[in-house]
Amino acid sequence: MTFEEKRVHLRKALQTEGWVADPLGNNWTAIQLLDISMGGIAFISEENMAVNSSRIFRFHLPGKDRQIDFIGRIANCNQHQYLAGYRVGAQFTRIDAMDLIIVERFVDHKASVST
């Protein structure tokens, strides 16, 4: 069996807490981020989220004071085979330019090497 990679962007593992809300910014729920890329995030959620629905997200990257906020589209949502809950992928649809630069620097492993 072959696996065809569908991801456009390289991902960086990330274990941090974040929050997700409905499109109006109500009903914030904690999520556990798994990884991040220039295109979006993957996370564990207790909630089964409809594909193509919109959500508001917020989280902090390790070592950064600035909170990252973005609006995202649920790209996939599948029951996690080992953990309770769902493995969800969310694509950035609206993110502040400065936040995207911070994400880019975090994802780019060269930027994390001190000289």
PDB file of N, CA and C in Angstrom:
ATOM      1  N   MET A   1       0.847  -1.179   0.000  1.00  0.00           N
ATOM      2  CA  MET A   1       0.000   0.000   0.000  1.00  0.00           C
ATOM      3  C   MET A   1       0.891   1.240   0.000  1.00  0.00           C
ATOM      4  N   THR A   2       0.599   2.174  -0.850  1.00  0.00           N
ATOM      5  CA  THR A   2       1.392   3.395  -0.910  1.00  0.00           C
ATOM      6  C   THR A   2       0.608   4.534  -0.288  1.00  0.00           C
ATOM      7  N   PHE A   3       1.350   5.483   0.251  1.00  0.00           N
ATOM      8  CA  PHE A   3       0.746   6.654   0.884  1.00  0.00           C
ATOM      9  C   PHE A   3       1.117   7.868   0.063  1.00  0.00           C
ATOM     10  N   GLU A   4       0.124   8.585  -0.403  1.00  0.00           N
ATOM     11  CA  GLU A   4       0.363   9.804  -1.175  1.00  0.00           C
ATOM     12  C   GLU A   4       0.242  11.010  -0.254  1.00  0.00           C
ATOM     13  N   GLU A   5       1.305  11.770  -0.136  1.00  0.00           N
ATOM     14  CA  GLU A   5       1.324  12.953   0.722  1.00  0.00           C
ATOM     15  C   GLU A   5       0.496  14.050   0.067  1.00  0.00           C
ATOM     16  N   LYS A   6      -0.510  14.563   0.796  1.00  0.00           N
ATOM     17  CA  LYS A   6      -1.373  15.613   0.274  1.00  0.00           C
ATOM     18  C   LYS A   6      -1.005  16.982   0.819  1.00  0.00           C
ATOM     19  N   ARG A   7      -0.139  17.041   1.810  1.00  0.00           N
ATOM     20  CA  ARG A   7       0.214  18.314   2.429  1.00  0.00           C
ATOM     21  C   ARG A   7       1.073  19.158   1.494  1.00  0.00           C
ATOM     22  N   VAL A   8       0.770  20.438   1.467  1.00  0.00           N
ATOM     23  CA  VAL A   8       1.511  21.377   0.640  1.00  0.00           C
ATOM     24  C   VAL A   8       2.708  21.933   1.408  1.00  0.00           C
ATOM     25  N   HIS A   9       2.562  22.102   2.734  1.00  0.00           N
ATOM     26  CA  HIS A   9       3.579  22.732   3.560  1.00  0.00           C
ATOM     27  C   HIS A   9       4.215  21.724   4.512  1.00  0.00           C
ATOM     28  N   LEU A  10       5.502  21.925   4.782  1.00  0.00           N
ATOM     29  CA  LEU A  10       6.176  21.128   5.791  1.00  0.00           C
ATOM     30  C   LEU A  10       5.591  21.450   7.150  1.00  0.00           C
ATOM     31  N   ARG A  11       5.539  20.447   8.019  1.00  0.00           N
ATOM     32  CA  ARG A  11       4.963  20.627   9.350  1.00  0.00           C
ATOM     33  C   ARG A  11       6.031  20.474  10.410  1.00  0.00           C
ATOM     34  N   LYS A  12       5.811  21.180  11.524  1.00  0.00           N
ATOM     35  CA  LYS A  12       6.699  21.074  12.669  1.00  0.00           C
ATOM     36  C   LYS A  12       5.869  20.604  13.855  1.00  0.00           C
ATOM     37  N   ALA A  13       6.356  19.562  14.533  1.00  0.00           N
ATOM     38  CA  ALA A  13       5.655  19.055  15.713  1.00  0.00           C
ATOM     39  C   ALA A  13       5.517  20.167  16.741  1.00  0.00           C
ATOM     40  N   LEU A  14       4.401  20.155  17.422  1.00  0.00           N
ATOM     41  CA  LEU A  14       4.104  21.211  18.384  1.00  0.00           C
ATOM     42  C   LEU A  14       3.173  20.630  19.434  1.00  0.00           C
ATOM     43  N   GLN A  15       3.594  20.678  20.675  1.00  0.00           N
ATOM     44  CA  GLN A  15       2.727  20.211  21.754  1.00  0.00           C
ATOM     45  C   GLN A  15       2.455  21.383  22.685  1.00  0.00           C
ATOM     46  N   THR A  16       1.326  22.021  22.452  1.00  0.00           N
ATOM     47  CA  THR A  16       0.920  23.153  23.279  1.00  0.00           C
ATOM     48  C   THR A  16      -0.599  23.222  23.291  1.00  0.00           C
ATOM     49  N   GLU A  17      -1.128  23.877  24.297  1.00  0.00           N
ATOM     50  CA  GLU A  17      -2.569  24.037  24.388  1.00  0.00           C
ATOM     51  C   GLU A  17      -3.007  25.235  23.564  1.00  0.00           C
ATOM     52  N   GLY A  18      -4.175  25.127  23.010  1.00  0.00           N
ATOM     53  CA  GLY A  18      -4.789  26.225  22.288  1.00  0.00           C
ATOM     54  C   GLY A  18      -6.268  26.230  22.597  1.00  0.00           C
ATOM     55  N   TRP A  19      -6.999  27.102  21.915  1.00  0.00           N
ATOM     56  CA  TRP A  19      -8.435  27.211  22.123  1.00  0.00           C
ATOM     57  C   TRP A  19      -9.123  27.414  20.784  1.00  0.00           C
ATOM     58  N   VAL A  20     -10.334  26.916  20.690  1.00  0.00           N
ATOM     59  CA  VAL A  20     -11.133  27.057  19.481  1.00  0.00           C
ATOM     60  C   VAL A  20     -12.535  27.514  19.882  1.00  0.00           C
ATOM     61  N   ALA A  21     -13.120  28.357  19.025  1.00  0.00           N
ATOM     62  CA  ALA A  21     -14.478  28.858  19.260  1.00  0.00           C
ATOM     63  C   ALA A  21     -15.266  28.806  17.964  1.00  0.00           C
ATOM     64  N   ASP A  22     -16.573  28.961  18.096  1.00  0.00           N
ATOM     65  CA  ASP A  22     -17.417  29.033  16.910  1.00  0.00           C
ATOM     66  C   ASP A  22     -17.093  30.314  16.136  1.00  0.00           C
ATOM     67  N   PRO A  23     -17.638  30.479  14.936  1.00  0.00           N
ATOM     68  CA  PRO A  23     -17.293  31.657  14.110  1.00  0.00           C
ATOM     69  C   PRO A  23     -17.613  33.006  14.731  1.00  0.00           C
ATOM     70  N   LEU A  24     -18.466  33.047  15.749  1.00  0.00           N
ATOM     71  CA  LEU A  24     -18.805  34.308  16.403  1.00  0.00           C
ATOM     72  C   LEU A  24     -17.910  34.591  17.607  1.00  0.00           C
ATOM     73  N   GLY A  25     -16.993  33.660  17.914  1.00  0.00           N
ATOM     74  CA  GLY A  25     -16.093  33.848  19.049  1.00  0.00           C
ATOM     75  C   GLY A  25     -16.708  33.443  20.374  1.00  0.00           C
ATOM     76  N   ASN A  26     -17.725  32.615  20.321  1.00  0.00           N
ATOM     77  CA  ASN A  26     -18.385  32.119  21.533  1.00  0.00           C
ATOM     78  C   ASN A  26     -17.950  30.680  21.814  1.00  0.00           C
ATOM     79  N   ASN A  27     -18.204  30.230  23.024  1.00  0.00           N
ATOM     80  CA  ASN A  27     -18.001  28.821  23.393  1.00  0.00           C
ATOM     81  C   ASN A  27     -16.574  28.343  23.172  1.00  0.00           C
ATOM     82  N   TRP A  28     -15.605  28.999  23.797  1.00  0.00           N
ATOM     83  CA  TRP A  28     -14.201  28.606  23.675  1.00  0.00           C
ATOM     84  C   TRP A  28     -13.968  27.255  24.346  1.00  0.00           C
ATOM     85  N   THR A  29     -13.228  26.380  23.649  1.00  0.00           N
ATOM     86  CA  THR A  29     -12.914  25.039  24.129  1.00  0.00           C
ATOM     87  C   THR A  29     -11.416  24.802  23.986  1.00  0.00           C
ATOM     88  N   ALA A  30     -10.829  24.150  24.977  1.00  0.00           N
ATOM     89  CA  ALA A  30      -9.397  23.831  24.917  1.00  0.00           C
ATOM     90  C   ALA A  30      -9.138  22.728  23.889  1.00  0.00           C
ATOM     91  N   ILE A  31      -8.012  22.869  23.188  1.00  0.00           N
ATOM     92  CA  ILE A  31      -7.540  21.851  22.240  1.00  0.00           C
ATOM     93  C   ILE A  31      -6.055  21.613  22.500  1.00  0.00           C
ATOM     94  N   GLN A  32      -5.552  20.482  22.047  1.00  0.00           N
ATOM     95  CA  GLN A  32      -4.128  20.165  22.151  1.00  0.00           C
ATOM     96  C   GLN A  32      -3.530  20.186  20.750  1.00  0.00           C
ATOM     97  N   LEU A  33      -2.657  21.163  20.462  1.00  0.00           N
ATOM     98  CA  LEU A  33      -2.033  21.240  19.152  1.00  0.00           C
ATOM     99  C   LEU A  33      -1.017  20.115  18.983  1.00  0.00           C
ATOM    100  N   LEU A  34      -0.957  19.570  17.774  1.00  0.00           N
ATOM    101  CA  LEU A  34      -0.038  18.485  17.437  1.00  0.00           C
ATOM    102  C   LEU A  34       1.097  18.948  16.533  1.00  0.00           C
ATOM    103  N   ASP A  35       0.750  19.772  15.539  1.00  0.00           N
ATOM    104  CA  ASP A  35       1.771  20.306  14.639  1.00  0.00           C
ATOM    105  C   ASP A  35       1.255  21.562  13.969  1.00  0.00           C
ATOM    106  N   ILE A  36       2.195  22.257  13.307  1.00  0.00           N
ATOM    107  CA  ILE A  36       1.882  23.533  12.664  1.00  0.00           C
ATOM    108  C   ILE A  36       2.672  23.637  11.367  1.00  0.00           C
ATOM    109  N   SER A  37       2.103  24.338  10.411  1.00  0.00           N
ATOM    110  CA  SER A  37       2.791  24.604   9.142  1.00  0.00           C
ATOM    111  C   SER A  37       2.417  26.014   8.707  1.00  0.00           C
ATOM    112  N   MET A  38       2.937  26.429   7.572  1.00  0.00           N
ATOM    113  CA  MET A  38       2.578  27.731   7.024  1.00  0.00           C
ATOM    114  C   MET A  38       1.121  27.762   6.563  1.00  0.00           C
ATOM    115  N   GLY A  39       0.508  26.598   6.446  1.00  0.00           N
ATOM    116  CA  GLY A  39      -0.867  26.534   5.971  1.00  0.00           C
ATOM    117  C   GLY A  39      -1.914  26.339   7.051  1.00  0.00           C
ATOM    118  N   GLY A  40      -1.486  25.867   8.252  1.00  0.00           N
ATOM    119  CA  GLY A  40      -2.476  25.622   9.289  1.00  0.00           C
ATOM    120  C   GLY A  40      -1.933  24.788  10.433  1.00  0.00           C
ATOM    121  N   ILE A  41      -2.862  24.206  11.199  1.00  0.00           N
ATOM    122  CA  ILE A  41      -2.502  23.429  12.374  1.00  0.00           C
ATOM    123  C   ILE A  41      -3.235  22.090  12.370  1.00  0.00           C
ATOM    124  N   ALA A  42      -2.700  21.141  13.131  1.00  0.00           N
ATOM    125  CA  ALA A  42      -3.395  19.896  13.444  1.00  0.00           C
ATOM    126  C   ALA A  42      -3.523  19.853  14.955  1.00  0.00           C
ATOM    127  N   PHE A  43      -4.650  19.334  15.429  1.00  0.00           N
ATOM    128  CA  PHE A  43      -4.894  19.319  16.875  1.00  0.00           C
ATOM    129  C   PHE A  43      -5.846  18.196  17.250  1.00  0.00           C
ATOM    130  N   ILE A  44      -5.900  17.926  18.547  1.00  0.00           N
ATOM    131  CA  ILE A  44      -6.844  16.969  19.107  1.00  0.00           C
ATOM    132  C   ILE A  44      -7.982  17.766  19.736  1.00  0.00           C
ATOM    133  N   SER A  45      -9.203  17.339  19.435  1.00  0.00           N
ATOM    134  CA  SER A  45     -10.388  17.994  19.978  1.00  0.00           C
ATOM    135  C   SER A  45     -11.366  16.934  20.468  1.00  0.00           C
ATOM    136  N   GLU A  46     -12.088  17.254  21.513  1.00  0.00           N
ATOM    137  CA  GLU A  46     -13.156  16.362  21.969  1.00  0.00           C
ATOM    138  C   GLU A  46     -14.362  16.446  21.051  1.00  0.00           C
ATOM    139  N   GLU A  47     -14.440  17.528  20.275  1.00  0.00           N
ATOM    140  CA  GLU A  47     -15.599  17.793  19.421  1.00  0.00           C
ATOM    141  C   GLU A  47     -15.365  17.295  17.997  1.00  0.00           C
ATOM    142  N   ASN A  48     -16.369  16.647  17.434  1.00  0.00           N
ATOM    143  CA  ASN A  48     -16.363  16.261  16.028  1.00  0.00           C
ATOM    144  C   ASN A  48     -16.754  17.509  15.232  1.00  0.00           C
ATOM    145  N   MET A  49     -15.842  18.019  14.405  1.00  0.00           N
ATOM    146  CA  MET A  49     -16.070  19.275  13.687  1.00  0.00           C
ATOM    147  C   MET A  49     -16.372  19.018  12.217  1.00  0.00           C
ATOM    148  N   ALA A  50     -17.354  19.714  11.702  1.00  0.00           N
ATOM    149  CA  ALA A  50     -17.758  19.541  10.311  1.00  0.00           C
ATOM    150  C   ALA A  50     -16.671  20.072   9.372  1.00  0.00           C
ATOM    151  N   VAL A  51     -16.304  19.246   8.394  1.00  0.00           N
ATOM    152  CA  VAL A  51     -15.332  19.663   7.381  1.00  0.00           C
ATOM    153  C   VAL A  51     -15.894  20.858   6.622  1.00  0.00           C
ATOM    154  N   ASN A  52     -15.043  21.818   6.340  1.00  0.00           N
ATOM    155  CA  ASN A  52     -15.339  23.076   5.651  1.00  0.00           C
ATOM    156  C   ASN A  52     -16.020  24.114   6.542  1.00  0.00           C
ATOM    157  N   SER A  53     -16.260  23.788   7.815  1.00  0.00           N
ATOM    158  CA  SER A  53     -16.818  24.797   8.716  1.00  0.00           C
ATOM    159  C   SER A  53     -15.708  25.743   9.162  1.00  0.00           C
ATOM    160  N   SER A  54     -16.079  26.929   9.595  1.00  0.00           N
ATOM    161  CA  SER A  54     -15.113  27.926  10.064  1.00  0.00           C
ATOM    162  C   SER A  54     -15.075  27.937  11.583  1.00  0.00           C
ATOM    163  N   ARG A  55     -13.896  28.244  12.125  1.00  0.00           N
ATOM    164  CA  ARG A  55     -13.700  28.364  13.563  1.00  0.00           C
ATOM    165  C   ARG A  55     -12.687  29.482  13.808  1.00  0.00           C
ATOM    166  N   ILE A  56     -12.695  30.001  15.034  1.00  0.00           N
ATOM    167  CA  ILE A  56     -11.692  30.959  15.472  1.00  0.00           C
ATOM    168  C   ILE A  56     -10.738  30.216  16.411  1.00  0.00           C
ATOM    169  N   PHE A  57      -9.441  30.449  16.240  1.00  0.00           N
ATOM    170  CA  PHE A  57      -8.426  29.756  17.021  1.00  0.00           C
ATOM    171  C   PHE A  57      -7.521  30.756  17.712  1.00  0.00           C
ATOM    172  N   ARG A  58      -6.933  30.321  18.828  1.00  0.00           N
ATOM    173  CA  ARG A  58      -5.877  31.098  19.477  1.00  0.00           C
ATOM    174  C   ARG A  58      -4.943  30.142  20.207  1.00  0.00           C
ATOM    175  N   PHE A  59      -3.657  30.530  20.188  1.00  0.00           N
ATOM    176  CA  PHE A  59      -2.639  29.747  20.876  1.00  0.00           C
ATOM    177  C   PHE A  59      -1.374  30.578  21.004  1.00  0.00           C
ATOM    178  N   HIS A  60      -0.441  30.104  21.820  1.00  0.00           N
ATOM    179  CA  HIS A  60       0.884  30.709  21.955  1.00  0.00           C
ATOM    180  C   HIS A  60       1.907  29.693  21.459  1.00  0.00           C
ATOM    181  N   LEU A  61       2.856  30.135  20.686  1.00  0.00           N
ATOM    182  CA  LEU A  61       3.974  29.272  20.312  1.00  0.00           C
ATOM    183  C   LEU A  61       4.966  29.256  21.474  1.00  0.00           C
ATOM    184  N   PRO A  62       5.629  28.124  21.697  1.00  0.00           N
ATOM    185  CA  PRO A  62       6.616  28.055  22.781  1.00  0.00           C
ATOM    186  C   PRO A  62       7.674  29.147  22.639  1.00  0.00           C
ATOM    187  N   GLY A  63       7.945  29.845  23.737  1.00  0.00           N
ATOM    188  CA  GLY A  63       8.960  30.889  23.749  1.00  0.00           C
ATOM    189  C   GLY A  63       8.507  32.225  23.186  1.00  0.00           C
ATOM    190  N   LYS A  64       7.250  32.344  22.814  1.00  0.00           N
ATOM    191  CA  LYS A  64       6.721  33.590  22.246  1.00  0.00           C
ATOM    192  C   LYS A  64       5.659  34.167  23.170  1.00  0.00           C
ATOM    193  N   ASP A  65       5.705  35.484  23.375  1.00  0.00           N
ATOM    194  CA  ASP A  65       4.713  36.146  24.214  1.00  0.00           C
ATOM    195  C   ASP A  65       3.433  36.462  23.446  1.00  0.00           C
ATOM    196  N   ARG A  66       3.571  36.680  22.155  1.00  0.00           N
ATOM    197  CA  ARG A  66       2.421  37.093  21.348  1.00  0.00           C
ATOM    198  C   ARG A  66       1.441  35.942  21.142  1.00  0.00           C
ATOM    199  N   GLN A  67       0.185  36.216  21.373  1.00  0.00           N
ATOM    200  CA  GLN A  67      -0.866  35.237  21.117  1.00  0.00           C
ATOM    201  C   GLN A  67      -1.190  35.235  19.631  1.00  0.00           C
ATOM    202  N   ILE A  68      -1.262  34.059  19.043  1.00  0.00           N
ATOM    203  CA  ILE A  68      -1.621  33.904  17.639  1.00  0.00           C
ATOM    204  C   ILE A  68      -3.134  33.675  17.565  1.00  0.00           C
ATOM    205  N   ASP A  69      -3.816  34.507  16.822  1.00  0.00           N
ATOM    206  CA  ASP A  69      -5.256  34.364  16.584  1.00  0.00           C
ATOM    207  C   ASP A  69      -5.465  34.222  15.085  1.00  0.00           C
ATOM    208  N   PHE A  70      -6.358  33.325  14.700  1.00  0.00           N
ATOM    209  CA  PHE A  70      -6.674  33.213  13.275  1.00  0.00           C
ATOM    210  C   PHE A  70      -8.051  32.602  13.081  1.00  0.00           C
ATOM    211  N   ILE A  71      -8.589  32.833  11.914  1.00  0.00           N
ATOM    212  CA  ILE A  71      -9.811  32.157  11.484  1.00  0.00           C
ATOM    213  C   ILE A  71      -9.367  31.035  10.564  1.00  0.00           C
ATOM    214  N   GLY A  72      -9.954  29.869  10.773  1.00  0.00           N
ATOM    215  CA  GLY A  72      -9.549  28.723   9.984  1.00  0.00           C
ATOM    216  C   GLY A  72     -10.722  27.905   9.485  1.00  0.00           C
ATOM    217  N   ARG A  73     -10.434  27.148   8.443  1.00  0.00           N
ATOM    218  CA  ARG A  73     -11.405  26.220   7.842  1.00  0.00           C
ATOM    219  C   ARG A  73     -11.024  24.812   8.271  1.00  0.00           C
ATOM    220  N   ILE A  74     -11.977  24.047   8.764  1.00  0.00           N
ATOM    221  CA  ILE A  74     -11.715  22.658   9.134  1.00  0.00           C
ATOM    222  C   ILE A  74     -11.506  21.870   7.837  1.00  0.00           C
ATOM    223  N   ALA A  75     -10.291  21.362   7.649  1.00  0.00           N
ATOM    224  CA  ALA A  75      -9.937  20.642   6.425  1.00  0.00           C
ATOM    225  C   ALA A  75     -10.216  19.147   6.553  1.00  0.00           C
ATOM    226  N   ASN A  76     -10.069  18.614   7.765  1.00  0.00           N
ATOM    227  CA  ASN A  76     -10.365  17.202   8.005  1.00  0.00           C
ATOM    228  C   ASN A  76     -10.626  16.990   9.485  1.00  0.00           C
ATOM    229  N   CYS A  77     -11.385  15.950   9.784  1.00  0.00           N
ATOM    230  CA  CYS A  77     -11.705  15.614  11.168  1.00  0.00           C
ATOM    231  C   CYS A  77     -11.997  14.127  11.222  1.00  0.00           C
ATOM    232  N   ASN A  78     -11.151  13.392  11.934  1.00  0.00           N
ATOM    233  CA  ASN A  78     -11.289  11.944  12.023  1.00  0.00           C
ATOM    234  C   ASN A  78     -11.107  11.497  13.458  1.00  0.00           C
ATOM    235  N   GLN A  79     -11.879  10.495  13.858  1.00  0.00           N
ATOM    236  CA  GLN A  79     -11.719   9.934  15.195  1.00  0.00           C
ATOM    237  C   GLN A  79     -10.272   9.466  15.331  1.00  0.00           C
ATOM    238  N   HIS A  80      -9.612   9.861  16.419  1.00  0.00           N
ATOM    239  CA  HIS A  80      -8.222   9.455  16.645  1.00  0.00           C
ATOM    240  C   HIS A  80      -8.215   7.979  17.017  1.00  0.00           C
ATOM    241  N   GLN A  81      -7.333   7.207  16.404  1.00  0.00           N
ATOM    242  CA  GLN A  81      -7.356   5.770  16.631  1.00  0.00           C
ATOM    243  C   GLN A  81      -6.777   5.354  17.975  1.00  0.00           C
ATOM    244  N   TYR A  82      -5.999   6.225  18.633  1.00  0.00           N
ATOM    245  CA  TYR A  82      -5.403   5.867  19.917  1.00  0.00           C
ATOM    246  C   TYR A  82      -5.864   6.750  21.070  1.00  0.00           C
ATOM    247  N   LEU A  83      -6.139   7.993  20.807  1.00  0.00           N
ATOM    248  CA  LEU A  83      -6.519   8.938  21.851  1.00  0.00           C
ATOM    249  C   LEU A  83      -8.020   9.192  21.818  1.00  0.00           C
ATOM    250  N   ALA A  84      -8.564   9.609  22.951  1.00  0.00           N
ATOM    251  CA  ALA A  84      -9.971   9.996  22.982  1.00  0.00           C
ATOM    252  C   ALA A  84     -10.130  11.295  22.203  1.00  0.00           C
ATOM    253  N   GLY A  85     -11.125  11.362  21.378  1.00  0.00           N
ATOM    254  CA  GLY A  85     -11.375  12.584  20.623  1.00  0.00           C
ATOM    255  C   GLY A  85     -11.069  12.439  19.150  1.00  0.00           C
ATOM    256  N   TYR A  86     -10.893  13.592  18.515  1.00  0.00           N
ATOM    257  CA  TYR A  86     -10.739  13.671  17.064  1.00  0.00           C
ATOM    258  C   TYR A  86      -9.427  14.360  16.701  1.00  0.00           C
ATOM    259  N   ARG A  87      -8.805  13.868  15.632  1.00  0.00           N
ATOM    260  CA  ARG A  87      -7.634  14.539  15.065  1.00  0.00           C
ATOM    261  C   ARG A  87      -8.167  15.452  13.980  1.00  0.00           C
ATOM    262  N   VAL A  88      -7.912  16.749  14.135  1.00  0.00           N
ATOM    263  CA  VAL A  88      -8.496  17.751  13.246  1.00  0.00           C
ATOM    264  C   VAL A  88      -7.385  18.551  12.576  1.00  0.00           C
ATOM    265  N   GLY A  89      -7.571  18.844  11.303  1.00  0.00           N
ATOM    266  CA  GLY A  89      -6.676  19.735  10.580  1.00  0.00           C
ATOM    267  C   GLY A  89      -7.429  21.005  10.227  1.00  0.00           C
ATOM    268  N   ALA A  90      -6.820  22.152  10.505  1.00  0.00           N
ATOM    269  CA  ALA A  90      -7.449  23.437  10.196  1.00  0.00           C
ATOM    270  C   ALA A  90      -6.508  24.262   9.328  1.00  0.00           C
ATOM    271  N   GLN A  91      -7.034  24.811   8.271  1.00  0.00           N
ATOM    272  CA  GLN A  91      -6.280  25.645   7.332  1.00  0.00           C
ATOM    273  C   GLN A  91      -6.487  27.108   7.695  1.00  0.00           C
ATOM    274  N   PHE A  92      -5.390  27.888   7.686  1.00  0.00           N
ATOM    275  CA  PHE A  92      -5.517  29.325   7.918  1.00  0.00           C
ATOM    276  C   PHE A  92      -6.339  29.929   6.776  1.00  0.00           C
ATOM    277  N   THR A  93      -7.385  30.671   7.108  1.00  0.00           N
ATOM    278  CA  THR A  93      -8.113  31.418   6.080  1.00  0.00           C
ATOM    279  C   THR A  93      -7.964  32.918   6.293  1.00  0.00           C
ATOM    280  N   ARG A  94      -7.781  33.329   7.557  1.00  0.00           N
ATOM    281  CA  ARG A  94      -7.498  34.734   7.846  1.00  0.00           C
ATOM    282  C   ARG A  94      -6.570  34.784   9.060  1.00  0.00           C
ATOM    283  N   ILE A  95      -5.358  35.313   8.822  1.00  0.00           N
ATOM    284  CA  ILE A  95      -4.365  35.417   9.881  1.00  0.00           C
ATOM    285  C   ILE A  95      -3.593  36.718   9.692  1.00  0.00           C
ATOM    286  N   ASP A  96      -3.288  37.385  10.773  1.00  0.00           N
ATOM    287  CA  ASP A  96      -2.525  38.624  10.739  1.00  0.00           C
ATOM    288  C   ASP A  96      -1.155  38.381  10.100  1.00  0.00           C
ATOM    289  N   ALA A  97      -0.686  39.316   9.300  1.00  0.00           N
ATOM    290  CA  ALA A  97       0.598  39.162   8.601  1.00  0.00           C
ATOM    291  C   ALA A  97       1.755  38.946   9.581  1.00  0.00           C
ATOM    292  N   MET A  98       1.766  39.667  10.715  1.00  0.00           N
ATOM    293  CA  MET A  98       2.825  39.494  11.705  1.00  0.00           C
ATOM    294  C   MET A  98       2.756  38.095  12.326  1.00  0.00           C
ATOM    295  N   ASP A  99       1.545  37.600  12.590  1.00  0.00           N
ATOM    296  CA  ASP A  99       1.395  36.255  13.137  1.00  0.00           C
ATOM    297  C   ASP A  99       1.905  35.211  12.147  1.00  0.00           C
ATOM    298  N   LEU A 100       1.649  35.418  10.862  1.00  0.00           N
ATOM    299  CA  LEU A 100       2.129  34.477   9.851  1.00  0.00           C
ATOM    300  C   LEU A 100       3.655  34.477   9.789  1.00  0.00           C
ATOM    301  N   ILE A 101       4.278  35.626   9.953  1.00  0.00           N
ATOM    302  CA  ILE A 101       5.747  35.704   9.995  1.00  0.00           C
ATOM    303  C   ILE A 101       6.274  34.927  11.204  1.00  0.00           C
ATOM    304  N   ILE A 102       5.620  35.074  12.342  1.00  0.00           N
ATOM    305  CA  ILE A 102       6.034  34.345  13.549  1.00  0.00           C
ATOM    306  C   ILE A 102       5.907  32.840  13.325  1.00  0.00           C
ATOM    307  N   VAL A 103       4.813  32.413  12.711  1.00  0.00           N
ATOM    308  CA  VAL A 103       4.626  30.992  12.403  1.00  0.00           C
ATOM    309  C   VAL A 103       5.714  30.514  11.449  1.00  0.00           C
ATOM    310  N   GLU A 104       5.997  31.304  10.409  1.00  0.00           N
ATOM    311  CA  GLU A 104       7.020  30.932   9.434  1.00  0.00           C
ATOM    312  C   GLU A 104       8.378  30.741  10.112  1.00  0.00           C
ATOM    313  N   ARG A 105       8.749  31.645  10.976  1.00  0.00           N
ATOM    314  CA  ARG A 105      10.032  31.544  11.676  1.00  0.00           C
ATOM    315  C   ARG A 105      10.068  30.336  12.602  1.00  0.00           C
ATOM    316  N   PHE A 106       8.934  30.023  13.224  1.00  0.00           N
ATOM    317  CA  PHE A 106       8.869  28.872  14.109  1.00  0.00           C
ATOM    318  C   PHE A 106       8.985  27.563  13.323  1.00  0.00           C
ATOM    319  N   VAL A 107       8.297  27.501  12.190  1.00  0.00           N
ATOM    320  CA  VAL A 107       8.293  26.281  11.377  1.00  0.00           C
ATOM    321  C   VAL A 107       9.639  26.051  10.699  1.00  0.00           C
ATOM    322  N   ASP A 108      10.284  27.132  10.284  1.00  0.00           N
ATOM    323  CA  ASP A 108      11.565  27.028   9.579  1.00  0.00           C
ATOM    324  C   ASP A 108      12.647  26.625  10.580  1.00  0.00           C
ATOM    325  N   HIS A 109      13.090  25.380  10.516  1.00  0.00           N
ATOM    326  CA  HIS A 109      14.076  24.878  11.493  1.00  0.00           C
ATOM    327  C   HIS A 109      15.371  25.664  11.486  1.00  0.00           C
ATOM    328  N   LYS A 110      15.715  26.293  10.389  1.00  0.00           N
ATOM    329  CA  LYS A 110      16.943  27.099  10.326  1.00  0.00           C
ATOM    330  C   LYS A 110      16.832  28.319  11.221  1.00  0.00           C
ATOM    331  N   ALA A 111      15.621  28.890  11.349  1.00  0.00           N
ATOM    332  CA  ALA A 111      15.419  30.068  12.163  1.00  0.00           C
ATOM    333  C   ALA A 111      15.553  29.761  13.646  1.00  0.00           C
ATOM    334  N   SER A 112      15.383  28.486  14.024  1.00  0.00           N
ATOM    335  CA  SER A 112      15.460  28.141  15.440  1.00  0.00           C
ATOM    336  C   SER A 112      16.872  27.798  15.895  1.00  0.00           C
ATOM    337  N   VAL A 113      17.812  27.776  14.956  1.00  0.00           N
ATOM    338  CA  VAL A 113      19.203  27.492  15.302  1.00  0.00           C
ATOM    339  C   VAL A 113      19.893  28.807  15.665  1.00  0.00           C
ATOM    340  N   SER A 114      20.448  28.876  16.884  1.00  0.00           N
ATOM    341  CA  SER A 114      21.125  30.114  17.282  1.00  0.00           C
ATOM    342  C   SER A 114      22.549  30.128  16.752  1.00  0.00           C
ATOM    343  N   THR A 115      23.010  31.309  16.384  1.00  0.00           N
ATOM    344  CA  THR A 115      24.385  31.436  15.848  1.00  0.00           C
ATOM    345  C   THR A 115      25.200  32.342  16.720  1.00  0.00           C
TER     346      THR A 115
END
